[in-house]
Protein backbone atom coordinates (compact mmCIF):
# COMPACT_ATOMS: atom_id res chain seq x y z
CA MET A 1 0.00 0.00 0.00
CA MET A 2 2.80 2.39 0.90
CA ASP A 3 4.52 1.76 -2.43
CA TYR A 4 1.36 2.78 -4.27
CA LYS A 5 1.05 5.86 -2.04
CA ARG A 6 4.64 6.84 -2.90
CA LEU A 7 3.78 6.50 -6.58
CA GLY A 8 0.96 9.01 -6.09
CA CYS A 9 -1.96 6.62 -6.55
CA SER A 10 -5.28 7.69 -5.11
CA ASP A 11 -6.74 5.95 -2.07
CA ASN A 12 -9.64 4.75 -4.20
CA TRP A 13 -7.30 3.24 -6.81
CA ILE A 14 -5.20 1.62 -4.08
CA ASN A 15 -8.26 0.05 -2.46
CA GLN A 16 -9.45 -1.29 -5.81
CA ARG A 17 -5.97 -2.64 -6.61
CA LEU A 18 -5.67 -4.39 -3.24
CA LYS A 19 -9.11 -5.93 -3.73
CA SER A 20 -8.12 -7.13 -7.23
CA ILE A 21 -4.98 -8.74 -5.76
CA GLU A 22 -7.15 -10.55 -3.22
CA ILE A 23 -9.56 -11.73 -5.92
CA ARG A 24 -6.71 -12.92 -8.16
CA LYS A 25 -5.24 -14.89 -5.24
CA ASP A 26 -8.61 -16.54 -4.63
CA LEU A 27 -8.84 -17.40 -8.33
CA THR A 28 -5.35 -18.88 -8.53
CA ASP A 29 -5.93 -20.81 -5.28
CA GLU A 30 -9.01 -22.33 -6.93
CA TRP A 31 -7.01 -23.22 -10.04
CA LYS A 32 -4.37 -24.89 -7.83
CA SER A 33 -7.07 -26.86 -5.98
CA LEU A 34 -8.19 -28.21 -9.36
CA GLY A 35 -4.67 -29.49 -10.01
CA LEU A 36 -3.54 -26.77 -12.39
CA GLU A 37 0.04 -25.56 -12.15
CA GLU A 38 1.41 -22.06 -12.24
CA GLY A 39 3.08 -21.07 -15.47
CA LEU A 40 1.58 -22.24 -18.73
CA HIS A 41 -1.82 -23.25 -17.26
CA PHE A 42 -2.29 -19.96 -15.45
CA ALA A 43 -1.07 -17.97 -18.44
CA SER A 44 -3.50 -19.76 -20.75
CA LEU A 45 -6.46 -19.19 -18.44
CA THR A 46 -5.46 -15.56 -17.92
CA ASP A 47 -5.33 -15.07 -21.69
CA ILE A 48 -8.85 -16.50 -21.98
CA ILE A 49 -10.06 -13.96 -19.41
CA TYR A 50 -8.33 -11.07 -21.19
CA LYS A 51 -9.58 -12.16 -24.63
CA THR A 52 -13.13 -12.28 -23.29
CA TRP A 53 -13.24 -8.68 -22.05
CA ALA A 54 -10.52 -6.91 -24.03
CA ASP A 55 -10.25 -9.00 -27.20
CA LYS A 56 -6.49 -9.16 -26.54
CA THR A 57 -4.17 -11.60 -24.80
CA ALA A 58 -2.25 -10.34 -21.75
CA ASN A 59 0.84 -9.73 -23.90
CA GLU A 60 -1.17 -7.95 -26.58
CA TYR A 61 -2.76 -5.80 -23.90
CA LYS A 62 0.67 -4.92 -22.46
CA GLN A 63 1.78 -3.84 -25.93
CA TYR A 64 -1.42 -1.81 -26.34
CA LYS A 65 -0.66 -0.06 -23.03
CA GLY A 66 2.99 0.48 -24.05
CA LEU A 67 4.37 -1.50 -21.12
CA LYS A 68 7.68 -3.33 -21.07
CA LYS A 69 8.35 -4.86 -17.64
CA GLU A 70 5.74 -2.97 -15.65
CA ASN A 71 2.91 -4.86 -14.01
CA LEU A 72 -0.13 -4.77 -16.26
CA HIS A 73 -2.61 -4.65 -13.39
CA ASP A 74 -0.79 -1.70 -11.83
CA ASN A 75 -1.36 0.21 -15.06
CA MET A 76 -5.08 -0.37 -15.46
CA THR A 77 -7.99 1.92 -14.79
CA ASN A 78 -11.62 1.07 -14.16
CA TRP A 79 -12.21 1.37 -17.90
CA TYR A 80 -9.13 -0.53 -19.12
């Protein structure tokens, strides 16, 4: 939270980001409970999610946002 504060993120954005981290952890915990492994399985499922709402894979979306090594989720807004 403090890192986001230092970057100048609003309290509202920080709260939404922390909630999204919690939700993603719940999702990946569920995937693990189903026997899926981190790496290729998670990447494939994540791409399916991205394709559904953004019509882009995670990598395509990073390119669209002009990101290199930055975290994609840290560079999203409520709209995209």
